[in-house]
Amino acid sequence: MFIIERLPLKDNFNIKIKILNEFGKIPEKSHKDDIGYDLYADNDYTIDPGKVVLVNLGISIQLPKNLGGFVLPRSGLATKHLISPINSPGLIDPGYTGELMVPLMNYSDVTYTVKRHERIAQLVAI
């Protein structure tokens, strides 16, 4: 499945989004004035305590040539469950067009299951 959408940015820039599988989901803002777009897991993933799991998003993006992207933690996931991207902030260069993935670390002492379409991180264009 290849669906291309555009996320509007200020100054008439757009991020092109390609859905790569049936469970990929277009990033969305939770609120109109939010800076970050929520990123969603494309499947269920189990993360054992102290472990890292690479979570696929089922999407790829194309950034404008003069912009990059930061993948940042979601505060609720980090504070409530101690789950956070291990490479935060993750930098997306404008030339990268492969599938987006987020390496999530479980800093807690209990197993956590990421559910399909759960918001796991945020994308901020810079």
PDB file of N, CA and C in Angstrom:
ATOM      1  N   MET A   1       0.853  -1.165   0.000  1.00  0.00           N
ATOM      2  CA  MET A   1       0.000   0.000   0.000  1.00  0.00           C
ATOM      3  C   MET A   1       0.902   1.232   0.000  1.00  0.00           C
ATOM      4  N   PHE A   2       0.717   2.090  -0.953  1.00  0.00           N
ATOM      5  CA  PHE A   2       1.523   3.298  -1.041  1.00  0.00           C
ATOM      6  C   PHE A   2       0.604   4.497  -1.178  1.00  0.00           C
ATOM      7  N   ILE A   3       0.345   5.155  -0.086  1.00  0.00           N
ATOM      8  CA  ILE A   3      -0.479   6.358  -0.077  1.00  0.00           C
ATOM      9  C   ILE A   3       0.428   7.507   0.313  1.00  0.00           C
ATOM     10  N   ILE A   4       0.348   8.575  -0.431  1.00  0.00           N
ATOM     11  CA  ILE A   4       1.171   9.734  -0.100  1.00  0.00           C
ATOM     12  C   ILE A   4       0.272  10.854   0.396  1.00  0.00           C
ATOM     13  N   GLU A   5       0.615  11.393   1.543  1.00  0.00           N
ATOM     14  CA  GLU A   5      -0.078  12.529   2.149  1.00  0.00           C
ATOM     15  C   GLU A   5       0.939  13.634   2.353  1.00  0.00           C
ATOM     16  N   ARG A   6       0.459  14.789   2.730  1.00  0.00           N
ATOM     17  CA  ARG A   6       1.343  15.909   3.037  1.00  0.00           C
ATOM     18  C   ARG A   6       0.972  16.485   4.394  1.00  0.00           C
ATOM     19  N   LEU A   7       1.985  16.723   5.216  1.00  0.00           N
ATOM     20  CA  LEU A   7       1.782  17.415   6.482  1.00  0.00           C
ATOM     21  C   LEU A   7       2.194  18.861   6.271  1.00  0.00           C
ATOM     22  N   PRO A   8       1.285  19.801   6.505  1.00  0.00           N
ATOM     23  CA  PRO A   8       1.639  21.205   6.289  1.00  0.00           C
ATOM     24  C   PRO A   8       2.532  21.740   7.401  1.00  0.00           C
ATOM     25  N   LEU A   9       3.542  22.491   7.000  1.00  0.00           N
ATOM     26  CA  LEU A   9       4.409  23.201   7.930  1.00  0.00           C
ATOM     27  C   LEU A   9       4.288  24.684   7.635  1.00  0.00           C
ATOM     28  N   LYS A  10       4.869  25.515   8.481  1.00  0.00           N
ATOM     29  CA  LYS A  10       4.813  26.954   8.220  1.00  0.00           C
ATOM     30  C   LYS A  10       5.629  27.304   6.977  1.00  0.00           C
ATOM     31  N   ASP A  11       5.401  28.482   6.457  1.00  0.00           N
ATOM     32  CA  ASP A  11       6.123  29.006   5.291  1.00  0.00           C
ATOM     33  C   ASP A  11       5.948  28.136   4.053  1.00  0.00           C
ATOM     34  N   ASN A  12       4.788  27.496   3.927  1.00  0.00           N
ATOM     35  CA  ASN A  12       4.440  26.700   2.741  1.00  0.00           C
ATOM     36  C   ASN A  12       5.337  25.481   2.509  1.00  0.00           C
ATOM     37  N   PHE A  13       5.994  24.983   3.546  1.00  0.00           N
ATOM     38  CA  PHE A  13       6.737  23.729   3.444  1.00  0.00           C
ATOM     39  C   PHE A  13       5.789  22.578   3.763  1.00  0.00           C
ATOM     40  N   ASN A  14       6.035  21.450   3.143  1.00  0.00           N
ATOM     41  CA  ASN A  14       5.252  20.250   3.418  1.00  0.00           C
ATOM     42  C   ASN A  14       6.187  19.073   3.630  1.00  0.00           C
ATOM     43  N   ILE A  15       5.760  18.144   4.476  1.00  0.00           N
ATOM     44  CA  ILE A  15       6.442  16.865   4.622  1.00  0.00           C
ATOM     45  C   ILE A  15       5.611  15.841   3.856  1.00  0.00           C
ATOM     46  N   LYS A  16       6.220  15.160   2.903  1.00  0.00           N
ATOM     47  CA  LYS A  16       5.517  14.104   2.176  1.00  0.00           C
ATOM     48  C   LYS A  16       5.580  12.824   3.002  1.00  0.00           C
ATOM     49  N   ILE A  17       4.441  12.177   3.160  1.00  0.00           N
ATOM     50  CA  ILE A  17       4.334  10.945   3.945  1.00  0.00           C
ATOM     51  C   ILE A  17       3.899   9.819   3.020  1.00  0.00           C
ATOM     52  N   LYS A  18       4.590   8.690   3.104  1.00  0.00           N
ATOM     53  CA  LYS A  18       4.193   7.507   2.332  1.00  0.00           C
ATOM     54  C   LYS A  18       3.848   6.396   3.316  1.00  0.00           C
ATOM     55  N   ILE A  19       2.658   5.820   3.165  1.00  0.00           N
ATOM     56  CA  ILE A  19       2.245   4.673   3.980  1.00  0.00           C
ATOM     57  C   ILE A  19       2.832   3.427   3.327  1.00  0.00           C
ATOM     58  N   LEU A  20       3.573   2.638   4.102  1.00  0.00           N
ATOM     59  CA  LEU A  20       4.288   1.489   3.549  1.00  0.00           C
ATOM     60  C   LEU A  20       3.591   0.151   3.750  1.00  0.00           C
ATOM     61  N   ASN A  21       2.681   0.081   4.704  1.00  0.00           N
ATOM     62  CA  ASN A  21       1.951  -1.172   4.918  1.00  0.00           C
ATOM     63  C   ASN A  21       0.544  -0.849   5.411  1.00  0.00           C
ATOM     64  N   GLU A  22      -0.281  -1.871   5.545  1.00  0.00           N
ATOM     65  CA  GLU A  22      -1.688  -1.642   5.886  1.00  0.00           C
ATOM     66  C   GLU A  22      -1.891  -1.064   7.284  1.00  0.00           C
ATOM     67  N   PHE A  23      -0.866  -1.095   8.126  1.00  0.00           N
ATOM     68  CA  PHE A  23      -1.015  -0.593   9.487  1.00  0.00           C
ATOM     69  C   PHE A  23      -0.289   0.726   9.732  1.00  0.00           C
ATOM     70  N   GLY A  24       0.404   1.235   8.724  1.00  0.00           N
ATOM     71  CA  GLY A  24       1.033   2.543   8.855  1.00  0.00           C
ATOM     72  C   GLY A  24      -0.037   3.613   9.013  1.00  0.00           C
ATOM     73  N   LYS A  25       0.264   4.631   9.801  1.00  0.00           N
ATOM     74  CA  LYS A  25      -0.717   5.682  10.091  1.00  0.00           C
ATOM     75  C   LYS A  25      -0.070   7.043   9.908  1.00  0.00           C
ATOM     76  N   ILE A  26      -0.776   7.941   9.249  1.00  0.00           N
ATOM     77  CA  ILE A  26      -0.281   9.297   9.022  1.00  0.00           C
ATOM     78  C   ILE A  26      -0.092   9.998  10.368  1.00  0.00           C
ATOM     79  N   PRO A  27       1.069  10.629  10.600  1.00  0.00           N
ATOM     80  CA  PRO A  27       1.265  11.396  11.838  1.00  0.00           C
ATOM     81  C   PRO A  27       0.206  12.493  11.965  1.00  0.00           C
ATOM     82  N   GLU A  28      -0.216  12.738  13.191  1.00  0.00           N
ATOM     83  CA  GLU A  28      -1.239  13.750  13.452  1.00  0.00           C
ATOM     84  C   GLU A  28      -0.843  14.596  14.648  1.00  0.00           C
ATOM     85  N   LYS A  29      -1.356  15.814  14.670  1.00  0.00           N
ATOM     86  CA  LYS A  29      -1.233  16.666  15.849  1.00  0.00           C
ATOM     87  C   LYS A  29      -2.412  16.365  16.768  1.00  0.00           C
ATOM     88  N   SER A  30      -2.147  16.279  18.075  1.00  0.00           N
ATOM     89  CA  SER A  30      -3.235  16.066  19.024  1.00  0.00           C
ATOM     90  C   SER A  30      -4.113  17.311  19.137  1.00  0.00           C
ATOM     91  N   HIS A  31      -3.485  18.473  19.041  1.00  0.00           N
ATOM     92  CA  HIS A  31      -4.187  19.752  19.125  1.00  0.00           C
ATOM     93  C   HIS A  31      -3.698  20.662  18.004  1.00  0.00           C
ATOM     94  N   LYS A  32      -4.559  21.521  17.543  1.00  0.00           N
ATOM     95  CA  LYS A  32      -4.262  22.383  16.397  1.00  0.00           C
ATOM     96  C   LYS A  32      -2.956  23.149  16.542  1.00  0.00           C
ATOM     97  N   ASP A  33      -2.662  23.649  17.728  1.00  0.00           N
ATOM     98  CA  ASP A  33      -1.481  24.489  17.938  1.00  0.00           C
ATOM     99  C   ASP A  33      -0.238  23.714  18.364  1.00  0.00           C
ATOM    100  N   ASP A  34      -0.290  22.387  18.395  1.00  0.00           N
ATOM    101  CA  ASP A  34       0.880  21.587  18.768  1.00  0.00           C
ATOM    102  C   ASP A  34       2.003  21.760  17.750  1.00  0.00           C
ATOM    103  N   ILE A  35       3.231  21.646  18.210  1.00  0.00           N
ATOM    104  CA  ILE A  35       4.406  21.708  17.340  1.00  0.00           C
ATOM    105  C   ILE A  35       4.699  20.329  16.746  1.00  0.00           C
ATOM    106  N   GLY A  36       4.550  19.289  17.563  1.00  0.00           N
ATOM    107  CA  GLY A  36       4.913  17.940  17.140  1.00  0.00           C
ATOM    108  C   GLY A  36       3.749  17.152  16.574  1.00  0.00           C
ATOM    109  N   TYR A  37       4.088  16.272  15.624  1.00  0.00           N
ATOM    110  CA  TYR A  37       3.133  15.319  15.067  1.00  0.00           C
ATOM    111  C   TYR A  37       3.340  13.983  15.766  1.00  0.00           C
ATOM    112  N   ASP A  38       2.263  13.379  16.264  1.00  0.00           N
ATOM    113  CA  ASP A  38       2.360  12.080  16.919  1.00  0.00           C
ATOM    114  C   ASP A  38       2.711  10.997  15.910  1.00  0.00           C
ATOM    115  N   LEU A  39       3.619  10.105  16.321  1.00  0.00           N
ATOM    116  CA  LEU A  39       4.042   8.963  15.514  1.00  0.00           C
ATOM    117  C   LEU A  39       3.473   7.693  16.141  1.00  0.00           C
ATOM    118  N   TYR A  40       3.019   6.765  15.303  1.00  0.00           N
ATOM    119  CA  TYR A  40       2.274   5.598  15.760  1.00  0.00           C
ATOM    120  C   TYR A  40       2.983   4.290  15.410  1.00  0.00           C
ATOM    121  N   ALA A  41       2.956   3.347  16.343  1.00  0.00           N
ATOM    122  CA  ALA A  41       3.484   1.999  16.084  1.00  0.00           C
ATOM    123  C   ALA A  41       2.610   1.309  15.043  1.00  0.00           C
ATOM    124  N   ASP A  42       3.234   0.535  14.153  1.00  0.00           N
ATOM    125  CA  ASP A  42       2.456  -0.150  13.118  1.00  0.00           C
ATOM    126  C   ASP A  42       1.975  -1.533  13.554  1.00  0.00           C
ATOM    127  N   ASN A  43       2.405  -2.013  14.704  1.00  0.00           N
ATOM    128  CA  ASN A  43       2.016  -3.325  15.221  1.00  0.00           C
ATOM    129  C   ASN A  43       2.196  -3.343  16.724  1.00  0.00           C
ATOM    130  N   ASP A  44       1.861  -4.461  17.348  1.00  0.00           N
ATOM    131  CA  ASP A  44       2.129  -4.651  18.770  1.00  0.00           C
ATOM    132  C   ASP A  44       3.588  -5.061  18.942  1.00  0.00           C
ATOM    133  N   TYR A  45       4.225  -4.520  19.962  1.00  0.00           N
ATOM    134  CA  TYR A  45       5.620  -4.844  20.282  1.00  0.00           C
ATOM    135  C   TYR A  45       5.727  -5.012  21.794  1.00  0.00           C
ATOM    136  N   THR A  46       6.393  -6.064  22.242  1.00  0.00           N
ATOM    137  CA  THR A  46       6.623  -6.286  23.668  1.00  0.00           C
ATOM    138  C   THR A  46       8.049  -5.876  24.005  1.00  0.00           C
ATOM    139  N   ILE A  47       8.166  -5.047  25.053  1.00  0.00           N
ATOM    140  CA  ILE A  47       9.483  -4.565  25.479  1.00  0.00           C
ATOM    141  C   ILE A  47       9.710  -5.027  26.915  1.00  0.00           C
ATOM    142  N   ASP A  48      10.656  -5.926  27.094  1.00  0.00           N
ATOM    143  CA  ASP A  48      10.985  -6.417  28.430  1.00  0.00           C
ATOM    144  C   ASP A  48      11.778  -5.364  29.197  1.00  0.00           C
ATOM    145  N   PRO A  49      11.768  -5.443  30.531  1.00  0.00           N
ATOM    146  CA  PRO A  49      12.513  -4.476  31.342  1.00  0.00           C
ATOM    147  C   PRO A  49      13.985  -4.407  30.939  1.00  0.00           C
ATOM    148  N   GLY A  50      14.489  -3.194  30.808  1.00  0.00           N
ATOM    149  CA  GLY A  50      15.891  -2.985  30.482  1.00  0.00           C
ATOM    150  C   GLY A  50      16.260  -3.269  29.039  1.00  0.00           C
ATOM    151  N   LYS A  51      15.291  -3.552  28.199  1.00  0.00           N
ATOM    152  CA  LYS A  51      15.550  -3.912  26.797  1.00  0.00           C
ATOM    153  C   LYS A  51      15.120  -2.796  25.853  1.00  0.00           C
ATOM    154  N   VAL A  52      15.646  -2.886  24.621  1.00  0.00           N
ATOM    155  CA  VAL A  52      15.296  -1.960  23.545  1.00  0.00           C
ATOM    156  C   VAL A  52      14.642  -2.760  22.423  1.00  0.00           C
ATOM    157  N   VAL A  53      13.566  -2.229  21.873  1.00  0.00           N
ATOM    158  CA  VAL A  53      12.896  -2.831  20.721  1.00  0.00           C
ATOM    159  C   VAL A  53      12.771  -1.759  19.644  1.00  0.00           C
ATOM    160  N   LEU A  54      13.119  -2.121  18.427  1.00  0.00           N
ATOM    161  CA  LEU A  54      12.992  -1.215  17.296  1.00  0.00           C
ATOM    162  C   LEU A  54      11.554  -1.303  16.779  1.00  0.00           C
ATOM    163  N   VAL A  55      10.809  -0.223  16.960  1.00  0.00           N
ATOM    164  CA  VAL A  55       9.394  -0.182  16.601  1.00  0.00           C
ATOM    165  C   VAL A  55       9.243   0.453  15.219  1.00  0.00           C
ATOM    166  N   ASN A  56       8.693  -0.297  14.283  1.00  0.00           N
ATOM    167  CA  ASN A  56       8.429   0.222  12.940  1.00  0.00           C
ATOM    168  C   ASN A  56       7.185   1.099  12.962  1.00  0.00           C
ATOM    169  N   LEU A  57       7.191   2.113  12.109  1.00  0.00           N
ATOM    170  CA  LEU A  57       6.041   3.005  12.017  1.00  0.00           C
ATOM    171  C   LEU A  57       5.183   2.729  10.788  1.00  0.00           C
ATOM    172  N   GLY A  58       5.716   1.997   9.814  1.00  0.00           N
ATOM    173  CA  GLY A  58       4.950   1.701   8.613  1.00  0.00           C
ATOM    174  C   GLY A  58       4.796   2.888   7.680  1.00  0.00           C
ATOM    175  N   ILE A  59       5.672   3.893   7.860  1.00  0.00           N
ATOM    176  CA  ILE A  59       5.642   5.077   6.996  1.00  0.00           C
ATOM    177  C   ILE A  59       7.066   5.490   6.651  1.00  0.00           C
ATOM    178  N   SER A  60       7.186   6.230   5.573  1.00  0.00           N
ATOM    179  CA  SER A  60       8.431   6.933   5.265  1.00  0.00           C
ATOM    180  C   SER A  60       8.060   8.386   5.012  1.00  0.00           C
ATOM    181  N   ILE A  61       9.056   9.262   5.115  1.00  0.00           N
ATOM    182  CA  ILE A  61       8.790  10.682   4.899  1.00  0.00           C
ATOM    183  C   ILE A  61       9.830  11.261   3.957  1.00  0.00           C
ATOM    184  N   GLN A  62       9.459  12.362   3.346  1.00  0.00           N
ATOM    185  CA  GLN A  62      10.408  13.141   2.558  1.00  0.00           C
ATOM    186  C   GLN A  62      10.315  14.575   3.054  1.00  0.00           C
ATOM    187  N   LEU A  63      11.402  15.026   3.678  1.00  0.00           N
ATOM    188  CA  LEU A  63      11.460  16.387   4.204  1.00  0.00           C
ATOM    189  C   LEU A  63      11.942  17.347   3.122  1.00  0.00           C
ATOM    190  N   PRO A  64      11.547  18.618   3.199  1.00  0.00           N
ATOM    191  CA  PRO A  64      12.123  19.616   2.290  1.00  0.00           C
ATOM    192  C   PRO A  64      13.641  19.670   2.463  1.00  0.00           C
ATOM    193  N   LYS A  65      14.357  20.051   1.414  1.00  0.00           N
ATOM    194  CA  LYS A  65      15.824  20.019   1.410  1.00  0.00           C
ATOM    195  C   LYS A  65      16.466  20.800   2.549  1.00  0.00           C
ATOM    196  N   ASN A  66      15.856  21.865   2.989  1.00  0.00           N
ATOM    197  CA  ASN A  66      16.482  22.693   4.020  1.00  0.00           C
ATOM    198  C   ASN A  66      15.934  22.431   5.421  1.00  0.00           C
ATOM    199  N   LEU A  67      15.195  21.334   5.604  1.00  0.00           N
ATOM    200  CA  LEU A  67      14.658  20.999   6.921  1.00  0.00           C
ATOM    201  C   LEU A  67      15.083  19.597   7.329  1.00  0.00           C
ATOM    202  N   GLY A  68      15.191  19.404   8.638  1.00  0.00           N
ATOM    203  CA  GLY A  68      15.411  18.086   9.205  1.00  0.00           C
ATOM    204  C   GLY A  68      14.260  17.773  10.140  1.00  0.00           C
ATOM    205  N   GLY A  69      14.309  16.630  10.758  1.00  0.00           N
ATOM    206  CA  GLY A  69      13.272  16.260  11.711  1.00  0.00           C
ATOM    207  C   GLY A  69      13.881  15.681  12.968  1.00  0.00           C
ATOM    208  N   PHE A  70      13.273  15.988  14.096  1.00  0.00           N
ATOM    209  CA  PHE A  70      13.639  15.380  15.367  1.00  0.00           C
ATOM    210  C   PHE A  70      12.528  14.422  15.772  1.00  0.00           C
ATOM    211  N   VAL A  71      12.908  13.220  16.199  1.00  0.00           N
ATOM    212  CA  VAL A  71      11.971  12.292  16.812  1.00  0.00           C
ATOM    213  C   VAL A  71      12.190  12.417  18.315  1.00  0.00           C
ATOM    214  N   LEU A  72      11.140  12.830  19.004  1.00  0.00           N
ATOM    215  CA  LEU A  72      11.219  13.136  20.432  1.00  0.00           C
ATOM    216  C   LEU A  72      10.270  12.243  21.227  1.00  0.00           C
ATOM    217  N   PRO A  73      10.549  12.067  22.524  1.00  0.00           N
ATOM    218  CA  PRO A  73       9.669  11.239  23.354  1.00  0.00           C
ATOM    219  C   PRO A  73       8.297  11.877  23.548  1.00  0.00           C
ATOM    220  N   ARG A  74       7.329  11.060  23.844  1.00  0.00           N
ATOM    221  CA  ARG A  74       6.029  11.546  24.320  1.00  0.00           C
ATOM    222  C   ARG A  74       6.105  11.553  25.837  1.00  0.00           C
ATOM    223  N   SER A  75       5.767  12.665  26.422  1.00  0.00           N
ATOM    224  CA  SER A  75       5.947  12.806  27.872  1.00  0.00           C
ATOM    225  C   SER A  75       5.097  11.812  28.655  1.00  0.00           C
ATOM    226  N   GLY A  76       3.884  11.523  28.211  1.00  0.00           N
ATOM    227  CA  GLY A  76       3.025  10.591  28.934  1.00  0.00           C
ATOM    228  C   GLY A  76       3.587   9.182  28.972  1.00  0.00           C
ATOM    229  N   LEU A  77       4.095   8.709  27.850  1.00  0.00           N
ATOM    230  CA  LEU A  77       4.672   7.364  27.783  1.00  0.00           C
ATOM    231  C   LEU A  77       5.915   7.275  28.666  1.00  0.00           C
ATOM    232  N   ALA A  78       6.700   8.335  28.666  1.00  0.00           N
ATOM    233  CA  ALA A  78       7.930   8.348  29.466  1.00  0.00           C
ATOM    234  C   ALA A  78       7.631   8.428  30.963  1.00  0.00           C
ATOM    235  N   THR A  79       6.703   9.284  31.356  1.00  0.00           N
ATOM    236  CA  THR A  79       6.457   9.471  32.789  1.00  0.00           C
ATOM    237  C   THR A  79       5.571   8.388  33.398  1.00  0.00           C
ATOM    238  N   LYS A  80       4.605   7.896  32.642  1.00  0.00           N
ATOM    239  CA  LYS A  80       3.691   6.886  33.182  1.00  0.00           C
ATOM    240  C   LYS A  80       4.254   5.470  33.125  1.00  0.00           C
ATOM    241  N   HIS A  81       5.057   5.174  32.078  1.00  0.00           N
ATOM    242  CA  HIS A  81       5.504   3.794  31.864  1.00  0.00           C
ATOM    243  C   HIS A  81       7.017   3.633  31.770  1.00  0.00           C
ATOM    244  N   LEU A  82       7.763   4.743  31.828  1.00  0.00           N
ATOM    245  CA  LEU A  82       9.225   4.733  31.709  1.00  0.00           C
ATOM    246  C   LEU A  82       9.680   4.118  30.385  1.00  0.00           C
ATOM    247  N   ILE A  83       8.955   4.450  29.313  1.00  0.00           N
ATOM    248  CA  ILE A  83       9.281   4.015  27.955  1.00  0.00           C
ATOM    249  C   ILE A  83       9.660   5.258  27.163  1.00  0.00           C
ATOM    250  N   SER A  84      10.824   5.213  26.500  1.00  0.00           N
ATOM    251  CA  SER A  84      11.289   6.398  25.776  1.00  0.00           C
ATOM    252  C   SER A  84      12.247   5.986  24.659  1.00  0.00           C
ATOM    253  N   PRO A  85      12.299   6.773  23.571  1.00  0.00           N
ATOM    254  CA  PRO A  85      13.308   6.502  22.544  1.00  0.00           C
ATOM    255  C   PRO A  85      14.709   6.577  23.145  1.00  0.00           C
ATOM    256  N   ILE A  86      15.542   5.595  22.861  1.00  0.00           N
ATOM    257  CA  ILE A  86      16.874   5.547  23.456  1.00  0.00           C
ATOM    258  C   ILE A  86      17.817   6.555  22.810  1.00  0.00           C
ATOM    259  N   ASN A  87      17.544   6.959  21.595  1.00  0.00           N
ATOM    260  CA  ASN A  87      18.426   7.895  20.890  1.00  0.00           C
ATOM    261  C   ASN A  87      17.817   9.292  20.819  1.00  0.00           C
ATOM    262  N   SER A  88      17.155   9.696  21.859  1.00  0.00           N
ATOM    263  CA  SER A  88      16.437  10.966  21.830  1.00  0.00           C
ATOM    264  C   SER A  88      17.373  12.147  22.054  1.00  0.00           C
ATOM    265  N   PRO A  89      17.314  13.163  21.208  1.00  0.00           N
ATOM    266  CA  PRO A  89      16.445  13.202  20.035  1.00  0.00           C
ATOM    267  C   PRO A  89      17.057  12.439  18.875  1.00  0.00           C
ATOM    268  N   GLY A  90      16.206  11.785  18.128  1.00  0.00           N
ATOM    269  CA  GLY A  90      16.647  11.122  16.902  1.00  0.00           C
ATOM    270  C   GLY A  90      16.559  12.109  15.752  1.00  0.00           C
ATOM    271  N   LEU A  91      17.611  12.220  14.986  1.00  0.00           N
ATOM    272  CA  LEU A  91      17.652  13.176  13.880  1.00  0.00           C
ATOM    273  C   LEU A  91      17.328  12.484  12.562  1.00  0.00           C
ATOM    274  N   ILE A  92      16.420  13.075  11.789  1.00  0.00           N
ATOM    275  CA  ILE A  92      16.108  12.601  10.443  1.00  0.00           C
ATOM    276  C   ILE A  92      16.647  13.637   9.470  1.00  0.00           C
ATOM    277  N   ASP A  93      17.612  13.236   8.673  1.00  0.00           N
ATOM    278  CA  ASP A  93      18.166  14.130   7.657  1.00  0.00           C
ATOM    279  C   ASP A  93      17.199  14.234   6.483  1.00  0.00           C
ATOM    280  N   PRO A  94      17.232  15.365   5.751  1.00  0.00           N
ATOM    281  CA  PRO A  94      16.291  15.542   4.646  1.00  0.00           C
ATOM    282  C   PRO A  94      16.443  14.510   3.531  1.00  0.00           C
ATOM    283  N   GLY A  95      17.607  13.897   3.394  1.00  0.00           N
ATOM    284  CA  GLY A  95      17.811  12.903   2.346  1.00  0.00           C
ATOM    285  C   GLY A  95      17.347  11.504   2.702  1.00  0.00           C
ATOM    286  N   TYR A  96      16.985  11.255   3.975  1.00  0.00           N
ATOM    287  CA  TYR A  96      16.567   9.911   4.379  1.00  0.00           C
ATOM    288  C   TYR A  96      15.115   9.683   3.986  1.00  0.00           C
ATOM    289  N   THR A  97      14.861   8.640   3.205  1.00  0.00           N
ATOM    290  CA  THR A  97      13.497   8.350   2.763  1.00  0.00           C
ATOM    291  C   THR A  97      13.075   6.909   3.064  1.00  0.00           C
ATOM    292  N   GLY A  98      13.834   6.218   3.921  1.00  0.00           N
ATOM    293  CA  GLY A  98      13.464   4.856   4.305  1.00  0.00           C
ATOM    294  C   GLY A  98      12.376   4.851   5.361  1.00  0.00           C
ATOM    295  N   GLU A  99      11.974   3.644   5.767  1.00  0.00           N
ATOM    296  CA  GLU A  99      10.937   3.525   6.793  1.00  0.00           C
ATOM    297  C   GLU A  99      11.416   4.144   8.100  1.00  0.00           C
ATOM    298  N   LEU A 100      10.521   4.874   8.747  1.00  0.00           N
ATOM    299  CA  LEU A 100      10.838   5.419  10.063  1.00  0.00           C
ATOM    300  C   LEU A 100      10.662   4.334  11.110  1.00  0.00           C
ATOM    301  N   MET A 101      11.631   4.273  12.032  1.00  0.00           N
ATOM    302  CA  MET A 101      11.611   3.325  13.140  1.00  0.00           C
ATOM    303  C   MET A 101      12.067   4.064  14.388  1.00  0.00           C
ATOM    304  N   VAL A 102      11.549   3.657  15.531  1.00  0.00           N
ATOM    305  CA  VAL A 102      11.911   4.290  16.795  1.00  0.00           C
ATOM    306  C   VAL A 102      12.413   3.213  17.750  1.00  0.00           C
ATOM    307  N   PRO A 103      13.677   3.318  18.212  1.00  0.00           N
ATOM    308  CA  PRO A 103      14.180   2.359  19.201  1.00  0.00           C
ATOM    309  C   PRO A 103      13.687   2.749  20.594  1.00  0.00           C
ATOM    310  N   LEU A 104      12.730   1.985  21.115  1.00  0.00           N
ATOM    311  CA  LEU A 104      12.158   2.290  22.427  1.00  0.00           C
ATOM    312  C   LEU A 104      12.839   1.467  23.510  1.00  0.00           C
ATOM    313  N   MET A 105      13.201   2.145  24.586  1.00  0.00           N
ATOM    314  CA  MET A 105      13.838   1.516  25.753  1.00  0.00           C
ATOM    315  C   MET A 105      12.826   1.439  26.883  1.00  0.00           C
ATOM    316  N   ASN A 106      12.789   0.287  27.542  1.00  0.00           N
ATOM    317  CA  ASN A 106      11.952   0.105  28.723  1.00  0.00           C
ATOM    318  C   ASN A 106      12.831   0.292  29.954  1.00  0.00           C
ATOM    319  N   TYR A 107      12.701   1.438  30.598  1.00  0.00           N
ATOM    320  CA  TYR A 107      13.489   1.757  31.786  1.00  0.00           C
ATOM    321  C   TYR A 107      12.834   1.247  33.070  1.00  0.00           C
ATOM    322  N   SER A 108      11.668   0.612  32.953  1.00  0.00           N
ATOM    323  CA  SER A 108      10.959   0.137  34.139  1.00  0.00           C
ATOM    324  C   SER A 108      11.368  -1.297  34.478  1.00  0.00           C
ATOM    325  N   ASP A 109      10.748  -1.837  35.515  1.00  0.00           N
ATOM    326  CA  ASP A 109      11.034  -3.218  35.904  1.00  0.00           C
ATOM    327  C   ASP A 109       9.882  -4.163  35.546  1.00  0.00           C
ATOM    328  N   VAL A 110       8.975  -3.698  34.668  1.00  0.00           N
ATOM    329  CA  VAL A 110       7.872  -4.544  34.199  1.00  0.00           C
ATOM    330  C   VAL A 110       7.830  -4.532  32.671  1.00  0.00           C
ATOM    331  N   THR A 111       7.364  -5.631  32.096  1.00  0.00           N
ATOM    332  CA  THR A 111       7.217  -5.725  30.644  1.00  0.00           C
ATOM    333  C   THR A 111       6.122  -4.771  30.186  1.00  0.00           C
ATOM    334  N   TYR A 112       6.372  -4.119  29.055  1.00  0.00           N
ATOM    335  CA  TYR A 112       5.388  -3.189  28.486  1.00  0.00           C
ATOM    336  C   TYR A 112       5.086  -3.620  27.059  1.00  0.00           C
ATOM    337  N   THR A 113       3.801  -3.598  26.692  1.00  0.00           N
ATOM    338  CA  THR A 113       3.402  -3.908  25.322  1.00  0.00           C
ATOM    339  C   THR A 113       2.911  -2.644  24.636  1.00  0.00           C
ATOM    340  N   VAL A 114       3.607  -2.277  23.575  1.00  0.00           N
ATOM    341  CA  VAL A 114       3.168  -1.180  22.719  1.00  0.00           C
ATOM    342  C   VAL A 114       2.072  -1.749  21.825  1.00  0.00           C
ATOM    343  N   LYS A 115       0.941  -1.082  21.772  1.00  0.00           N
ATOM    344  CA  LYS A 115      -0.178  -1.536  20.952  1.00  0.00           C
ATOM    345  C   LYS A 115      -0.144  -0.883  19.573  1.00  0.00           C
ATOM    346  N   ARG A 116      -0.647  -1.602  18.578  1.00  0.00           N
ATOM    347  CA  ARG A 116      -0.746  -1.044  17.223  1.00  0.00           C
ATOM    348  C   ARG A 116      -1.486   0.294  17.284  1.00  0.00           C
ATOM    349  N   HIS A 117      -0.936   1.281  16.615  1.00  0.00           N
ATOM    350  CA  HIS A 117      -1.450   2.650  16.521  1.00  0.00           C
ATOM    351  C   HIS A 117      -1.348   3.423  17.833  1.00  0.00           C
ATOM    352  N   GLU A 118      -0.563   2.905  18.783  1.00  0.00           N
ATOM    353  CA  GLU A 118      -0.275   3.687  19.990  1.00  0.00           C
ATOM    354  C   GLU A 118       0.701   4.801  19.624  1.00  0.00           C
ATOM    355  N   ARG A 119       0.488   5.969  20.199  1.00  0.00           N
ATOM    356  CA  ARG A 119       1.402   7.094  19.983  1.00  0.00           C
ATOM    357  C   ARG A 119       2.675   6.832  20.780  1.00  0.00           C
ATOM    358  N   ILE A 120       3.813   6.742  20.082  1.00  0.00           N
ATOM    359  CA  ILE A 120       5.050   6.364  20.769  1.00  0.00           C
ATOM    360  C   ILE A 120       6.110   7.453  20.774  1.00  0.00           C
ATOM    361  N   ALA A 121       5.978   8.439  19.911  1.00  0.00           N
ATOM    362  CA  ALA A 121       6.977   9.507  19.816  1.00  0.00           C
ATOM    363  C   ALA A 121       6.341  10.668  19.058  1.00  0.00           C
ATOM    364  N   GLN A 122       7.120  11.732  18.901  1.00  0.00           N
ATOM    365  CA  GLN A 122       6.659  12.898  18.156  1.00  0.00           C
ATOM    366  C   GLN A 122       7.690  13.284  17.112  1.00  0.00           C
ATOM    367  N   LEU A 123       7.213  13.798  15.998  1.00  0.00           N
ATOM    368  CA  LEU A 123       8.067  14.320  14.942  1.00  0.00           C
ATOM    369  C   LEU A 123       7.955  15.836  14.938  1.00  0.00           C
ATOM    370  N   VAL A 124       9.118  16.499  15.044  1.00  0.00           N
ATOM    371  CA  VAL A 124       9.171  17.959  14.975  1.00  0.00           C
ATOM    372  C   VAL A 124      10.120  18.334  13.848  1.00  0.00           C
ATOM    373  N   ALA A 125       9.645  19.127  12.912  1.00  0.00           N
ATOM    374  CA  ALA A 125      10.492  19.591  11.803  1.00  0.00           C
ATOM    375  C   ALA A 125      11.312  20.787  12.272  1.00  0.00           C
ATOM    376  N   ILE A 126      12.590  20.798  11.866  1.00  0.00           N
ATOM    377  CA  ILE A 126      13.481  21.893  12.269  1.00  0.00           C
ATOM    378  C   ILE A 126      14.158  22.504  11.048  1.00  0.00           C
TER     379      ILE A 126
END
